[in-house]
Amino acid sequence: MEKKCKVSIRNIRREANEDLKKLLKSKKIGEDEEKNNEKKVQTITDDHIKLVDDKVSSKEKEIMTI
């Protein structure tokens, strides 16, 4: 389940970055805005991956104590 969650999160990141590239290509955003938003997307991705890791770690500890 952990891997599925992480893959889903990374797929969402990839789609978001592709959308940003499309916006840049169509001149709806500038290069600076694209880069800033890519950083934000990466930060959100990292935060959610950490949440998954924390939940898995917590569940492993719970299982090991029973």
C-alpha atoms as a PDB file:
ATOM      1  CA  MET A   1       0.000   0.000   0.000  1.00  0.00           C
ATOM      2  CA  GLU A   2       2.882   2.336   0.801  1.00  0.00           C
ATOM      3  CA  LYS A   3       4.313   2.021  -2.707  1.00  0.00           C
ATOM      4  CA  LYS A   4       0.903   2.640  -4.305  1.00  0.00           C
ATOM      5  CA  CYS A   5       0.487   5.816  -2.278  1.00  0.00           C
ATOM      6  CA  LYS A   6       3.932   7.093  -3.189  1.00  0.00           C
ATOM      7  CA  VAL A   7       3.465   6.280  -6.871  1.00  0.00           C
ATOM      8  CA  SER A   8       0.131   8.125  -6.860  1.00  0.00           C
ATOM      9  CA  ILE A   9       1.698  11.174  -5.228  1.00  0.00           C
ATOM     10  CA  ARG A  10       4.535  11.190  -7.750  1.00  0.00           C
ATOM     11  CA  ASN A  11       2.115  10.802 -10.655  1.00  0.00           C
ATOM     12  CA  ILE A  12       0.190  13.826  -9.419  1.00  0.00           C
ATOM     13  CA  ARG A  13       3.478  15.757  -9.234  1.00  0.00           C
ATOM     14  CA  ARG A  14       4.348  14.751 -12.800  1.00  0.00           C
ATOM     15  CA  GLU A  15       0.926  15.827 -14.073  1.00  0.00           C
ATOM     16  CA  ALA A  16       1.159  19.161 -12.256  1.00  0.00           C
ATOM     17  CA  ASN A  17       4.608  19.828 -13.727  1.00  0.00           C
ATOM     18  CA  GLU A  18       3.368  18.897 -17.209  1.00  0.00           C
ATOM     19  CA  ASP A  19       0.480  21.349 -16.781  1.00  0.00           C
ATOM     20  CA  LEU A  20       2.945  24.054 -15.761  1.00  0.00           C
ATOM     21  CA  LYS A  21       5.032  23.382 -18.881  1.00  0.00           C
ATOM     22  CA  LYS A  22       1.898  23.669 -21.042  1.00  0.00           C
ATOM     23  CA  LEU A  23       1.037  26.983 -19.404  1.00  0.00           C
ATOM     24  CA  LEU A  24       4.560  28.226 -20.035  1.00  0.00           C
ATOM     25  CA  LYS A  25       4.464  27.084 -23.647  1.00  0.00           C
ATOM     26  CA  SER A  26       1.159  28.885 -24.223  1.00  0.00           C
ATOM     27  CA  LYS A  27       2.640  32.026 -22.601  1.00  0.00           C
ATOM     28  CA  LYS A  28       0.011  32.042 -19.831  1.00  0.00           C
ATOM     29  CA  ILE A  29       2.781  32.091 -17.217  1.00  0.00           C
ATOM     30  CA  GLY A  30       6.396  33.169 -17.275  1.00  0.00           C
ATOM     31  CA  GLU A  31       9.524  31.118 -16.601  1.00  0.00           C
ATOM     32  CA  ASP A  32       9.932  32.484 -13.073  1.00  0.00           C
ATOM     33  CA  GLU A  33       6.354  31.618 -12.196  1.00  0.00           C
ATOM     34  CA  GLU A  34       6.808  28.128 -13.631  1.00  0.00           C
ATOM     35  CA  LYS A  35       9.965  27.525 -11.580  1.00  0.00           C
ATOM     36  CA  ASN A  36       8.368  28.876  -8.403  1.00  0.00           C
ATOM     37  CA  ASN A  37       5.333  26.663  -8.870  1.00  0.00           C
ATOM     38  CA  GLU A  38       7.513  23.620  -9.614  1.00  0.00           C
ATOM     39  CA  LYS A  39       9.252  24.231  -6.274  1.00  0.00           C
ATOM     40  CA  LYS A  40       5.873  24.480  -4.532  1.00  0.00           C
ATOM     41  CA  VAL A  41       4.710  21.258  -6.164  1.00  0.00           C
ATOM     42  CA  GLN A  42       7.921  19.537  -5.023  1.00  0.00           C
ATOM     43  CA  THR A  43       7.482  20.821  -1.468  1.00  0.00           C
ATOM     44  CA  ILE A  44       3.904  19.540  -1.362  1.00  0.00           C
ATOM     45  CA  THR A  45       5.074  16.209  -2.804  1.00  0.00           C
ATOM     46  CA  ASP A  46       7.809  15.902  -0.188  1.00  0.00           C
ATOM     47  CA  ASP A  47       5.349  16.725   2.606  1.00  0.00           C
ATOM     48  CA  HIS A  48       2.907  14.058   1.463  1.00  0.00           C
ATOM     49  CA  ILE A  49       5.617  11.426   0.979  1.00  0.00           C
ATOM     50  CA  LYS A  50       6.746  12.162   4.542  1.00  0.00           C
ATOM     51  CA  LEU A  51       3.171  11.732   5.782  1.00  0.00           C
ATOM     52  CA  VAL A  52       3.024   8.305   4.135  1.00  0.00           C
ATOM     53  CA  ASP A  53       6.389   7.365   5.648  1.00  0.00           C
ATOM     54  CA  ASP A  54       5.246   8.522   9.094  1.00  0.00           C
ATOM     55  CA  LYS A  55       1.998   6.541   8.872  1.00  0.00           C
ATOM     56  CA  VAL A  56       3.845   3.407   7.752  1.00  0.00           C
ATOM     57  CA  SER A  57       6.392   3.784  10.532  1.00  0.00           C
ATOM     58  CA  SER A  58       3.638   4.296  13.092  1.00  0.00           C
ATOM     59  CA  LYS A  59       1.759   1.246  11.857  1.00  0.00           C
ATOM     60  CA  GLU A  60       4.921  -0.879  11.923  1.00  0.00           C
ATOM     61  CA  LYS A  61       5.527   0.104  15.555  1.00  0.00           C
ATOM     62  CA  GLU A  62       1.920  -0.679  16.390  1.00  0.00           C
ATOM     63  CA  ILE A  63       2.157  -4.119  14.785  1.00  0.00           C
ATOM     64  CA  MET A  64       5.448  -4.916  16.499  1.00  0.00           C
ATOM     65  CA  THR A  65       4.040  -4.124  19.962  1.00  0.00           C
ATOM     66  CA  ILE A  66       1.141  -6.540  19.652  1.00  0.00           C
END
